[in-house]
Amino acid sequence: MNRRELLSAGAMMAAATVAGKAGAAPAGALQTRAIPSSGENLPVIGLGTSGPFEVAATPAARAPLAQVLEAFFAAGACLIDTSPMYSTAEGVLGDLLTPAMHARAFLATKVWTRGEQAGIAQMQRSAQLLHTRRLDLIQVHNLLDLDVQLRTLHAWKDEGRVRYVGVTHYTVSAYPDLIRILERERLDFVQFNYSPATREAEKRLLPLAQERGTAVLVNRPFEDGALFARVRNQPLPSWAADVDAASWGQLALKFILSHPAVTCIIPATGKLAHLEDNLAGGRGRLPDAAQRAQIARLFS
């Protein structure tokens, strides 16, 4: 059972649960959390572009992505994460963003190269592809040439060319490096993987980010789809309604968001149904400690 099938099954269960409750109140607006270094609020669900936005320059390939972006901004979301590493993603995103979307977007990209001048050229190219003069966030992708690129990023921030600076990785094996960097550097953002099945970040990385006043972006919340395989053929527990979760995806996102150090989750998708499900994970109640433990057991 893939995510589409899980969503369909969950929708039928949710419909049965609310049968006869016509006119029930909607779950409400997306929750927001403050960026510690500035106090600026961000909606807790963002959008990743790795994979789904790496498409050809054809109307057929881009039309579904335009629908996703329209729904994303209509829901009040704003943070979109991309990278020059993601082949065509920056250019596709830049072409699809309307002026109205640009006015609301929080654009995060990365620098992924070696050398000062190469890094500068890459970041300038990213701004061109994204059709913006000033990026909201630039992150050193996978810590590549970290010290050199961070020097440039801090200088750009001082000059007003970028609003926030951060670093990223996507594997547990990089946690020790991320911890060392957070201990020595003043960063606005750190991005890494975290899910109900991969919880190593809870030991030191998440608490340290909170101590240091660093916003946390969570990538790979569904472990590239592998998380759903762990609950294949299992019904969504009835108590999921206690945290306003109507699908396995929402339950996983709510688990992640229930950690106070997490600022925003950036699941990548090019499918409208998946986007809407992800956005629902950022609304309503969140699990308490006992419910977190239950969720973790389900995905273990």
Protein backbone atom coordinates (compact mmCIF):
# COMPACT_ATOMS: atom_id res chain seq x y z
CA MET A 1 0.00 0.00 0.00
CA ASN A 2 1.53 3.30 -1.11
CA ARG A 3 0.72 6.78 0.19
CA ARG A 4 -2.13 7.27 -2.27
CA GLU A 5 -3.79 4.08 -1.07
CA LEU A 6 -3.19 5.01 2.56
CA LEU A 7 -4.76 8.41 1.94
CA SER A 8 -7.80 6.83 0.33
CA ALA A 9 -8.28 4.40 3.20
CA GLY A 10 -7.79 7.18 5.75
CA ALA A 11 -10.31 9.39 4.00
CA MET A 12 -12.95 6.67 4.18
CA MET A 13 -12.29 6.16 7.88
CA ALA A 14 -12.43 9.90 8.55
CA ALA A 15 -15.69 10.18 6.63
CA ALA A 16 -17.19 7.41 8.75
CA THR A 17 -16.02 9.10 11.94
CA VAL A 18 -17.64 12.43 11.11
CA ALA A 19 -20.82 11.03 9.54
CA GLY A 20 -23.81 13.06 10.60
CA LYS A 21 -21.68 16.03 11.69
CA ALA A 22 -22.51 18.36 8.82
CA GLY A 23 -21.18 21.86 9.30
CA ALA A 24 -18.32 20.78 11.59
CA ALA A 25 -15.69 23.51 12.01
CA PRO A 26 -12.57 23.28 9.83
CA ALA A 27 -9.28 22.37 11.47
CA GLY A 28 -8.18 26.00 11.17
CA ALA A 29 -5.17 27.84 9.91
CA LEU A 30 -1.66 26.51 9.65
CA GLN A 31 0.28 26.81 12.85
CA THR A 32 3.27 29.13 12.81
CA ARG A 33 6.52 29.21 14.76
CA ALA A 34 9.04 31.97 15.26
CA ILE A 35 12.54 32.02 13.79
CA PRO A 36 14.55 32.40 17.01
CA SER A 37 17.11 34.82 15.57
CA SER A 38 14.49 37.33 14.40
CA GLY A 39 11.07 36.52 15.80
CA GLU A 40 9.62 36.29 12.27
CA ASN A 41 6.84 33.70 12.13
CA LEU A 42 6.84 30.85 9.61
CA PRO A 43 4.04 28.39 8.87
CA VAL A 44 5.11 24.96 10.12
CA ILE A 45 4.61 23.17 6.78
CA GLY A 46 6.81 24.14 3.87
CA LEU A 47 7.56 22.58 0.49
CA GLY A 48 10.61 20.73 -0.76
CA THR A 49 11.50 20.58 -4.44
CA SER A 50 13.98 17.70 -4.71
CA GLY A 51 12.49 15.25 -7.19
CA PRO A 52 9.03 16.63 -8.01
CA PHE A 53 10.31 19.96 -9.37
CA GLU A 54 13.10 18.39 -11.42
CA VAL A 55 11.03 18.33 -14.59
CA ALA A 56 11.28 19.37 -18.21
CA ALA A 57 10.21 22.77 -19.53
CA THR A 58 6.90 21.50 -20.91
CA PRO A 59 3.36 22.57 -20.02
CA ALA A 60 2.37 18.98 -19.25
CA ALA A 61 5.21 18.55 -16.77
CA ARG A 62 4.76 21.91 -15.09
CA ALA A 63 0.96 22.22 -14.88
CA PRO A 64 0.59 19.95 -11.81
CA LEU A 65 3.34 21.91 -10.04
CA ALA A 66 1.54 25.19 -10.73
CA GLN A 67 -1.55 23.73 -9.07
CA VAL A 68 0.52 22.65 -6.08
CA LEU A 69 1.98 26.13 -5.69
CA GLU A 70 -1.43 27.79 -5.97
CA ALA A 71 -2.83 25.56 -3.22
CA PHE A 72 0.29 25.96 -1.11
CA PHE A 73 0.06 29.74 -0.97
CA ALA A 74 -3.74 29.75 -0.73
CA ALA A 75 -3.38 27.72 2.47
CA GLY A 76 -1.10 30.36 3.98
CA ALA A 77 2.16 28.42 3.60
CA CYS A 78 5.26 30.20 2.33
CA LEU A 79 8.63 28.43 2.82
CA ILE A 80 9.95 26.63 -0.25
CA ASP A 81 13.31 24.87 -0.13
CA THR A 82 15.39 24.18 -3.23
CA SER A 83 19.01 23.82 -4.37
CA PRO A 84 21.24 24.00 -7.45
CA MET A 85 21.86 20.31 -6.73
CA TYR A 86 18.27 19.56 -7.79
CA SER A 87 18.92 19.85 -11.54
CA THR A 88 16.10 21.99 -13.00
CA ALA A 89 14.21 22.67 -9.74
CA GLU A 90 15.35 26.25 -9.14
CA GLY A 91 14.49 27.33 -12.67
CA VAL A 92 11.16 25.52 -12.69
CA LEU A 93 10.19 27.06 -9.37
CA GLY A 94 11.29 30.52 -10.46
CA ASP A 95 9.27 30.29 -13.67
CA LEU A 96 6.12 29.12 -11.88
CA LEU A 97 6.10 31.70 -9.09
CA THR A 98 3.71 34.53 -9.94
CA PRO A 99 4.32 38.07 -8.66
CA ALA A 100 1.66 37.51 -6.00
CA MET A 101 3.40 34.31 -4.90
CA HIS A 102 6.76 36.05 -4.82
CA ALA A 103 5.32 38.65 -2.47
CA ARG A 104 4.44 35.92 0.03
CA ALA A 105 7.20 33.37 -0.55
CA PHE A 106 10.04 32.59 1.83
CA LEU A 107 12.63 31.25 -0.62
CA ALA A 108 15.37 29.01 0.72
CA THR A 109 18.13 27.65 -1.49
CA LYS A 110 21.64 26.34 -0.99
CA VAL A 111 25.23 26.72 -2.09
CA TRP A 112 26.74 23.44 -3.22
CA THR A 113 30.23 23.91 -4.63
CA ARG A 114 33.86 24.47 -3.67
CA GLY A 115 35.72 27.77 -3.74
CA GLU A 116 34.76 31.32 -2.88
CA GLN A 117 34.21 32.61 -6.40
CA ALA A 118 32.40 29.46 -7.49
CA GLY A 119 30.10 29.81 -4.48
CA ILE A 120 29.37 33.46 -5.25
CA ALA A 121 28.64 32.66 -8.90
CA GLN A 122 26.34 29.81 -7.93
CA MET A 123 24.36 31.93 -5.47
CA GLN A 124 24.02 34.72 -8.00
CA ARG A 125 22.75 32.19 -10.53
CA SER A 126 20.23 30.85 -8.00
CA ALA A 127 18.84 34.34 -7.46
CA GLN A 128 18.50 34.78 -11.23
CA LEU A 129 16.73 31.45 -11.67
CA LEU A 130 14.38 32.21 -8.79
CA HIS A 131 13.69 35.72 -10.15
CA THR A 132 14.57 37.51 -6.95
CA ARG A 133 17.12 40.11 -5.92
CA ARG A 134 17.38 38.92 -2.33
CA LEU A 135 16.97 35.38 -1.09
CA ASP A 136 15.42 34.72 2.28
CA LEU A 137 17.72 31.86 3.25
CA ILE A 138 20.88 30.35 1.78
CA GLN A 139 22.26 27.17 3.33
CA VAL A 140 25.56 25.36 2.87
CA HIS A 141 24.36 22.16 1.24
CA ASN A 142 25.65 18.97 2.87
CA LEU A 143 28.36 21.08 4.58
CA LEU A 144 30.40 21.22 1.36
CA ASP A 145 33.37 23.62 1.67
CA LEU A 146 31.70 24.85 4.83
CA ASP A 147 34.12 27.48 6.15
CA VAL A 148 34.62 29.18 2.79
CA GLN A 149 30.92 29.32 1.94
CA LEU A 150 29.89 30.46 5.42
CA ARG A 151 32.31 33.39 5.23
CA THR A 152 30.61 34.55 2.05
CA LEU A 153 27.14 33.97 3.47
CA HIS A 154 27.82 35.98 6.62
CA ALA A 155 29.20 38.80 4.45
CA TRP A 156 26.12 38.67 2.22
CA LYS A 157 23.87 38.82 5.26
CA ASP A 158 25.72 41.87 6.57
CA GLU A 159 25.27 43.49 3.14
CA GLY A 160 21.54 42.67 3.03
CA ARG A 161 21.88 40.27 0.10
CA VAL A 162 20.41 37.36 2.07
CA ARG A 163 18.22 37.49 5.16
CA TYR A 164 19.21 34.25 6.89
CA VAL A 165 22.13 31.79 6.86
CA GLY A 166 22.14 28.06 7.55
CA VAL A 167 23.58 24.61 6.93
CA THR A 168 22.00 21.33 5.84
CA HIS A 169 22.43 17.58 5.72
CA TYR A 170 20.13 14.65 5.19
CA THR A 171 21.72 11.68 7.00
CA VAL A 172 22.14 10.63 10.62
CA SER A 173 25.86 10.07 10.00
CA ALA A 174 26.28 13.85 9.63
CA TYR A 175 24.80 14.66 13.05
CA PRO A 176 28.18 14.84 14.84
CA ASP A 177 29.38 17.39 12.27
CA LEU A 178 26.18 19.40 12.58
CA ILE A 179 26.54 19.41 16.36
CA ARG A 180 30.12 20.68 16.16
CA ILE A 181 29.07 23.41 13.73
CA LEU A 182 26.15 24.53 15.90
CA GLU A 183 28.41 24.67 18.93
CA ARG A 184 30.87 27.03 17.24
CA GLU A 185 28.80 29.01 14.71
CA ARG A 186 25.93 31.44 15.04
CA LEU A 187 23.43 30.20 12.47
CA ASP A 188 19.86 31.21 11.76
CA PHE A 189 18.85 27.78 10.45
CA VAL A 190 19.93 24.17 10.51
CA GLN A 191 18.28 21.54 8.30
CA PHE A 192 18.39 17.77 8.82
CA ASN A 193 16.32 14.58 8.67
CA TYR A 194 13.95 13.54 11.46
CA SER A 195 10.93 11.25 11.61
CA PRO A 196 9.01 8.99 14.02
CA ALA A 197 11.26 6.13 12.88
CA THR A 198 14.55 8.05 12.91
CA ARG A 199 14.78 9.82 16.25
CA GLU A 200 18.51 10.19 16.87
CA ALA A 201 18.20 13.97 16.54
CA GLU A 202 16.31 14.03 19.84
CA LYS A 203 19.42 13.05 21.80
CA ARG A 204 21.53 16.13 21.18
CA LEU A 205 20.90 17.88 17.86
CA LEU A 206 17.37 19.16 18.49
CA PRO A 207 18.08 20.26 22.08
CA LEU A 208 21.26 22.00 20.95
CA ALA A 209 19.45 23.89 18.19
CA GLN A 210 16.93 25.03 20.78
CA GLU A 211 19.69 26.11 23.18
CA ARG A 212 21.51 28.01 20.45
CA GLY A 213 18.42 29.77 19.14
CA THR A 214 18.65 28.13 15.71
CA ALA A 215 15.56 27.44 13.63
CA VAL A 216 15.16 23.81 12.53
CA LEU A 217 13.99 22.72 9.08
CA VAL A 218 13.17 19.02 8.88
CA ASN A 219 13.78 17.17 5.62
CA ARG A 220 12.83 13.60 4.67
CA PRO A 221 9.91 13.41 7.16
CA PHE A 222 8.55 10.35 5.34
CA GLU A 223 12.00 8.84 4.69
CA ASP A 224 11.47 8.99 0.93
CA GLY A 225 8.24 7.00 1.32
CA ALA A 226 9.77 4.20 3.39
CA LEU A 227 7.89 5.40 6.47
CA PHE A 228 4.57 4.39 4.91
CA ALA A 229 5.84 0.86 4.26
CA ARG A 230 6.15 0.44 8.03
CA VAL A 231 2.39 0.82 8.47
CA ARG A 232 1.27 -0.94 5.30
CA ASN A 233 -2.08 -2.68 5.74
CA GLN A 234 -2.51 -1.20 9.22
CA PRO A 235 -5.61 0.88 9.98
CA LEU A 236 -5.08 4.36 11.32
CA PRO A 237 -5.69 4.14 15.09
CA SER A 238 -8.93 5.70 16.29
CA TRP A 239 -7.06 7.88 18.78
CA ALA A 240 -5.38 9.71 15.87
CA ALA A 241 -8.52 11.86 15.86
CA ASP A 242 -7.49 13.15 19.29
CA VAL A 243 -4.64 15.00 17.56
CA ASP A 244 -6.71 15.89 14.49
CA ALA A 245 -4.83 13.43 12.27
CA ALA A 246 -6.81 11.80 9.46
CA SER A 247 -3.93 9.96 7.74
CA TRP A 248 -0.63 8.29 8.50
CA GLY A 249 1.19 11.19 6.87
CA GLN A 250 -0.53 13.70 9.12
CA LEU A 251 0.26 11.59 12.17
CA ALA A 252 3.96 11.52 11.24
CA LEU A 253 4.08 15.27 10.63
CA LYS A 254 2.34 15.98 13.92
CA PHE A 255 4.86 13.79 15.73
CA ILE A 256 7.69 15.87 14.26
CA LEU A 257 5.98 19.17 15.01
CA SER A 258 5.34 18.16 18.60
CA HIS A 259 9.05 18.59 19.27
CA PRO A 260 9.41 22.24 20.35
CA ALA A 261 12.74 22.73 18.55
CA VAL A 262 11.21 22.11 15.11
CA THR A 263 10.33 25.24 13.16
CA CYS A 264 9.14 23.93 9.79
CA ILE A 265 8.93 20.64 7.88
CA ILE A 266 9.66 20.62 4.15
CA PRO A 267 8.16 17.49 2.52
CA ALA A 268 8.74 17.45 -1.23
CA THR A 269 5.74 16.78 -3.43
CA GLY A 270 4.35 17.54 -6.84
CA LYS A 271 0.95 15.99 -6.13
CA LEU A 272 -1.95 18.13 -5.00
CA ALA A 273 -3.51 15.43 -2.80
CA HIS A 274 -0.22 14.87 -0.99
CA LEU A 275 0.26 18.61 -0.51
CA GLU A 276 -3.21 18.99 0.99
CA ASP A 277 -2.56 16.06 3.31
CA ASN A 278 0.77 17.58 4.37
CA LEU A 279 -0.85 20.95 5.05
CA ALA A 280 -3.47 19.28 7.24
CA GLY A 281 -0.60 17.95 9.34
CA GLY A 282 0.18 21.53 10.30
CA ARG A 283 -3.30 22.27 11.63
CA GLY A 284 -5.08 21.36 14.82
CA ARG A 285 -3.84 19.60 17.92
CA LEU A 286 -0.41 18.04 18.42
CA PRO A 287 0.46 14.89 20.37
CA ASP A 288 1.59 15.02 23.98
CA ALA A 289 4.46 12.94 25.35
CA ALA A 290 2.37 9.78 25.77
CA GLN A 291 0.89 10.11 22.29
CA ARG A 292 4.35 10.72 20.83
CA ALA A 293 5.47 7.42 22.33
CA GLN A 294 2.46 5.67 20.80
CA ILE A 295 3.20 7.13 17.37
CA ALA A 296 6.86 6.15 17.57
CA ARG A 297 5.88 2.56 18.42
CA LEU A 298 3.55 2.39 15.42
CA PHE A 299 6.33 3.40 13.04
CA SER A 300 9.09 1.38 14.71
